[in-house]
């Protein structure tokens, strides 16, 4: 007869689960990354902001793909109706540009060529690996983990508010490209509220709650890794790999 192992961890209440998720975000979310700290202090050059806008677009461009994968895995029409909003928010619809189009406007405001950004010319290999890892995560891990990985949106609202103020103050030439952040100030909290309520309802055991927390940690790692690559290539030591974007002053 097999021995059933019972978890010693207690089942958290929704309030306790939220507190634990917020603790993970405080420790691991990329608001603490040195690259973002430099950005918010106004210490990045135009070329470094160009590298950020280019590489971040690689990530932004797959968000609706990621959300389509999650949506396709659900058999619950109520969930699908709620989740498809995310796809429209990023892809847009006739007469209403989405997040992808708005990010391209930001990239153009930095001085990048739109078509080059769309084609991903010069994107860091590490960025591509991180983005591919996220798509694999939502495809291959449990559905709970796929949904829980989106909970970084619990923390993005405050970061976006800080970023908008910092970009306006330190980089006034970006003023025409900040529409993406304005939209996300309301979209991200709405998305996070739905995802958090769903995770709280469906993580009904300590083991499932730990899977949800692990998914959030993994997503934070993916975001952090992208900034690590940017920092190494364009800040310190400043070694972009072969084929990567090179600022004009380094060309």
Protein backbone atom coordinates (compact mmCIF):
# COMPACT_ATOMS: atom_id res chain seq x y z
CA UNK A 1 0.00 0.00 0.00
CA UNK A 2 1.39 3.43 -0.96
CA UNK A 3 1.92 6.13 1.60
CA UNK A 4 -0.04 9.32 1.02
CA UNK A 5 2.04 12.39 1.72
CA UNK A 6 0.06 15.20 3.26
CA UNK A 7 1.36 18.73 2.84
CA UNK A 8 2.32 20.43 6.09
CA UNK A 9 1.57 23.84 4.60
CA UNK A 10 -1.78 25.33 5.64
CA UNK A 11 -4.42 26.36 3.13
CA UNK A 12 -4.23 30.13 2.80
CA UNK A 13 -7.30 32.31 2.83
CA UNK A 14 -7.78 34.52 -0.25
CA UNK A 15 -6.44 37.46 1.76
CA UNK A 16 -3.39 35.47 2.87
CA UNK A 17 -2.79 34.24 -0.66
CA UNK A 18 -2.90 37.77 -1.99
CA UNK A 19 -0.44 38.86 0.69
CA UNK A 20 1.94 36.09 -0.31
CA UNK A 21 1.66 36.97 -3.98
CA UNK A 22 2.34 40.62 -3.19
CA UNK A 23 5.40 39.62 -1.18
CA UNK A 24 6.73 37.74 -4.20
CA UNK A 25 6.16 40.81 -6.33
CA UNK A 26 7.90 43.09 -3.87
CA UNK A 27 10.93 40.80 -3.88
CA UNK A 28 11.08 39.75 -7.52
CA UNK A 29 9.16 42.09 -9.81
CA UNK A 30 11.39 44.00 -12.20
CA UNK A 31 10.65 47.40 -10.67
CA UNK A 32 13.81 46.74 -8.65
CA UNK A 33 16.03 45.98 -11.63
CA UNK A 34 19.03 48.34 -12.07
CA UNK A 35 18.03 49.07 -15.67
CA UNK A 36 14.62 50.35 -14.59
CA UNK A 37 16.18 52.31 -11.73
CA UNK A 38 18.44 54.08 -14.22
CA UNK A 39 15.44 54.79 -16.43
CA UNK A 40 13.41 56.30 -13.64
CA UNK A 41 16.36 58.43 -12.51
CA UNK A 42 16.77 59.85 -16.01
CA UNK A 43 20.19 58.29 -16.46
CA UNK A 44 19.63 56.33 -19.66
CA UNK A 45 20.80 57.62 -23.01
CA UNK A 46 18.53 57.80 -26.04
CA UNK A 47 20.39 54.78 -27.46
CA UNK A 48 19.75 52.75 -24.31
CA UNK A 49 16.07 53.64 -24.43
CA UNK A 50 16.01 52.58 -28.07
CA UNK A 51 17.47 49.20 -27.13
CA UNK A 52 14.82 48.85 -24.40
CA UNK A 53 11.93 49.82 -26.71
CA UNK A 54 13.13 47.41 -29.40
CA UNK A 55 13.63 44.43 -27.12
CA UNK A 56 10.47 45.06 -25.12
CA UNK A 57 8.49 45.09 -28.36
CA UNK A 58 9.62 41.50 -28.93
CA UNK A 59 7.82 40.68 -25.68
CA UNK A 60 4.83 42.97 -26.26
CA UNK A 61 4.20 41.45 -29.68
CA UNK A 62 3.58 37.96 -28.27
CA UNK A 63 1.27 38.98 -25.43
CA UNK A 64 -1.90 38.42 -27.51
CA UNK A 65 -0.41 35.11 -28.69
CA UNK A 66 0.18 34.14 -25.07
CA UNK A 67 -3.37 35.12 -24.15
CA UNK A 68 -4.76 33.25 -27.15
CA UNK A 69 -2.98 30.10 -25.94
CA UNK A 70 -4.49 30.50 -22.47
CA UNK A 71 -7.94 31.20 -23.89
CA UNK A 72 -7.72 28.14 -26.15
CA UNK A 73 -7.06 25.89 -23.16
CA UNK A 74 -10.26 26.85 -21.33
CA UNK A 75 -13.56 25.04 -21.68
CA UNK A 76 -15.36 27.69 -19.62
CA UNK A 77 -17.15 30.22 -21.86
CA UNK A 78 -17.34 32.74 -19.02
CA UNK A 79 -13.56 32.61 -18.63
CA UNK A 80 -13.04 32.90 -22.39
CA UNK A 81 -15.35 35.93 -22.63
CA UNK A 82 -13.38 37.68 -19.90
CA UNK A 83 -9.95 36.69 -21.16
CA UNK A 84 -10.45 37.66 -24.80
CA UNK A 85 -10.54 41.32 -23.70
CA UNK A 86 -6.79 41.06 -23.22
CA UNK A 87 -6.29 40.09 -26.85
CA UNK A 88 -8.33 43.04 -28.09
CA UNK A 89 -6.49 45.38 -25.73
CA UNK A 90 -3.19 44.49 -27.38
CA UNK A 91 -4.23 43.75 -30.97
CA UNK A 92 -6.74 46.59 -31.12
CA UNK A 93 -9.76 46.72 -33.37
CA UNK A 94 -10.99 48.98 -36.18
CA UNK A 95 -10.84 52.56 -34.97
CA UNK A 96 -9.12 51.66 -31.69
CA UNK A 97 -5.36 51.05 -31.75
CA UNK A 98 -4.16 48.39 -29.36
CA UNK A 99 -1.10 48.04 -27.18
CA UNK A 100 1.10 46.73 -29.97
CA UNK A 101 0.43 49.73 -32.18
CA UNK A 102 0.95 52.07 -29.24
CA UNK A 103 4.28 50.45 -28.40
CA UNK A 104 5.41 50.94 -32.00
CA UNK A 105 4.60 54.65 -31.56
CA UNK A 106 6.82 54.66 -28.48
CA UNK A 107 9.63 53.00 -30.42
CA UNK A 108 9.28 55.59 -33.16
CA UNK A 109 9.44 58.35 -30.55
CA UNK A 110 12.86 57.05 -29.48
CA UNK A 111 14.05 57.41 -33.07
CA UNK A 112 13.77 53.80 -34.21
CA UNK A 113 12.36 52.83 -37.60
CA UNK A 114 8.96 51.19 -37.29
CA UNK A 115 9.54 48.45 -39.86
CA UNK A 116 12.84 47.45 -38.26
CA UNK A 117 11.13 47.13 -34.87
CA UNK A 118 8.27 45.09 -36.34
CA UNK A 119 10.77 42.72 -37.96
CA UNK A 120 12.71 42.39 -34.72
CA UNK A 121 15.98 43.48 -36.26
CA UNK A 122 18.71 43.48 -33.64
CA UNK A 123 16.71 41.94 -30.79
CA UNK A 124 18.99 40.30 -28.22
CA UNK A 125 19.14 36.48 -28.32
CA UNK A 126 18.42 36.40 -24.57
CA UNK A 127 15.24 38.40 -25.14
CA UNK A 128 14.05 35.90 -27.73
CA UNK A 129 14.83 32.99 -25.41
CA UNK A 130 12.92 34.61 -22.54
CA UNK A 131 9.91 35.34 -24.74
CA UNK A 132 9.89 31.81 -26.14
CA UNK A 133 10.15 30.45 -22.59
CA UNK A 134 7.01 32.34 -21.62
CA UNK A 135 5.04 30.94 -24.54
CA UNK A 136 6.20 27.44 -23.63
CA UNK A 137 5.20 28.02 -20.01
CA UNK A 138 1.59 28.89 -20.79
CA UNK A 139 1.41 26.03 -23.31
CA UNK A 140 2.94 23.22 -21.27
CA UNK A 141 2.34 23.93 -17.60
CA UNK A 142 -0.97 23.42 -15.85
CA UNK A 143 -3.81 25.76 -16.72
CA UNK A 144 -3.70 27.20 -13.21
CA UNK A 145 -0.01 28.03 -13.62
CA UNK A 146 -0.64 29.58 -17.03
CA UNK A 147 -3.28 31.92 -15.60
CA UNK A 148 -1.29 32.66 -12.44
CA UNK A 149 1.74 33.71 -14.48
CA UNK A 150 -0.26 36.78 -15.54
CA UNK A 151 -0.43 38.03 -11.95
CA UNK A 152 2.56 40.31 -12.47
CA UNK A 153 -0.21 42.74 -13.46
CA UNK A 154 -0.89 43.09 -9.73
CA UNK A 155 2.25 45.22 -9.59
CA UNK A 156 2.45 46.76 -13.05
CA UNK A 157 0.01 49.59 -12.35
CA UNK A 158 2.22 51.30 -9.78
CA UNK A 159 5.31 50.76 -11.93
CA UNK A 160 3.60 52.23 -14.98
CA UNK A 161 2.48 55.31 -13.04
CA UNK A 162 6.05 55.84 -11.84
CA UNK A 163 7.41 55.25 -15.33
CA UNK A 164 5.08 57.73 -17.04
CA UNK A 165 6.06 60.47 -14.60
CA UNK A 166 9.77 59.66 -14.99
CA UNK A 167 9.65 59.51 -18.78
CA UNK A 168 7.82 62.82 -19.01
CA UNK A 169 10.25 64.48 -16.64
CA UNK A 170 13.57 63.12 -17.90
CA UNK A 171 12.87 62.33 -21.55
CA UNK A 172 10.40 65.00 -22.78
CA UNK A 173 11.09 64.00 -26.40
CA UNK A 174 9.14 60.79 -25.69
CA UNK A 175 5.92 62.69 -24.93
CA UNK A 176 4.21 61.62 -28.15
CA UNK A 177 4.82 57.93 -27.50
CA UNK A 178 3.35 57.35 -24.04
CA UNK A 179 -0.20 56.31 -24.97
CA UNK A 180 0.59 52.65 -24.23
CA UNK A 181 1.21 53.38 -20.57
CA UNK A 182 -1.87 55.56 -20.19
CA UNK A 183 -4.10 52.72 -21.38
CA UNK A 184 -2.44 50.14 -19.15
CA UNK A 185 -3.10 52.23 -16.04
CA UNK A 186 -6.72 51.01 -16.19
CA UNK A 187 -6.37 47.79 -18.22
CA UNK A 188 -3.77 46.11 -16.01
CA UNK A 189 -5.69 46.45 -12.69
CA UNK A 190 -8.88 45.15 -14.34
CA UNK A 191 -7.05 42.14 -15.77
CA UNK A 192 -5.29 41.47 -12.47
CA UNK A 193 -8.55 41.57 -10.51
CA UNK A 194 -10.14 38.93 -12.72
CA UNK A 195 -7.07 36.66 -12.76
CA UNK A 196 -6.56 36.91 -9.01
CA UNK A 197 -10.18 36.02 -8.26
CA UNK A 198 -9.96 33.07 -10.65
CA UNK A 199 -6.73 31.77 -9.11
CA UNK A 200 -8.08 32.18 -5.58
CA UNK A 201 -11.16 30.10 -6.49
CA UNK A 202 -9.27 27.34 -8.28
CA UNK A 203 -6.19 26.99 -6.08
CA UNK A 204 -8.11 25.01 -3.47
CA UNK A 205 -5.25 23.13 -1.84
CA UNK A 206 -1.87 24.19 -0.40
CA UNK A 207 -0.19 22.39 -3.29
CA UNK A 208 -2.17 24.33 -5.90
CA UNK A 209 -1.53 27.58 -4.09
CA UNK A 210 2.18 26.85 -4.20
CA UNK A 211 1.94 26.17 -7.94
CA UNK A 212 0.30 29.56 -8.39
CA UNK A 213 3.03 31.27 -6.39
CA UNK A 214 5.68 29.40 -8.34
CA UNK A 215 4.13 30.57 -11.60
CA UNK A 216 4.35 34.18 -10.45
CA UNK A 217 7.98 33.71 -9.47
CA UNK A 218 8.73 32.18 -12.86
CA UNK A 219 7.10 35.09 -14.71
CA UNK A 220 9.07 37.58 -12.62
CA UNK A 221 12.24 35.69 -13.55
CA UNK A 222 11.36 35.94 -17.25
CA UNK A 223 10.88 39.70 -17.01
CA UNK A 224 14.05 40.12 -14.95
CA UNK A 225 16.11 38.05 -17.40
CA UNK A 226 15.15 40.35 -20.26
CA UNK A 227 16.46 43.36 -18.34
CA UNK A 228 19.62 41.49 -17.37
CA UNK A 229 20.35 41.04 -21.06
CA UNK A 230 19.72 44.73 -21.78
CA UNK A 231 21.93 45.84 -18.91
CA UNK A 232 24.82 43.59 -19.95
CA UNK A 233 24.61 44.58 -23.61
CA UNK A 234 24.00 48.31 -23.31
CA UNK A 235 24.98 49.51 -19.81
CA UNK A 236 27.69 47.46 -18.12
CA UNK A 237 29.93 46.10 -19.56
CA UNK A 238 28.15 47.23 -22.75
CA UNK A 239 28.79 44.22 -24.95
CA UNK A 240 25.96 43.67 -27.46
CA UNK A 241 26.34 40.26 -29.11
CA UNK A 242 26.88 39.80 -32.85
CA UNK A 243 23.80 40.78 -34.83
CA UNK A 244 22.24 42.78 -31.99
CA UNK A 245 21.13 46.38 -32.21
CA UNK A 246 24.03 48.78 -31.97
CA UNK A 247 23.46 52.43 -31.19
CA UNK A 248 24.74 54.76 -33.87
CA UNK A 249 27.50 56.10 -31.67
CA UNK A 250 28.79 52.53 -31.28
CA UNK A 251 28.28 51.45 -34.90
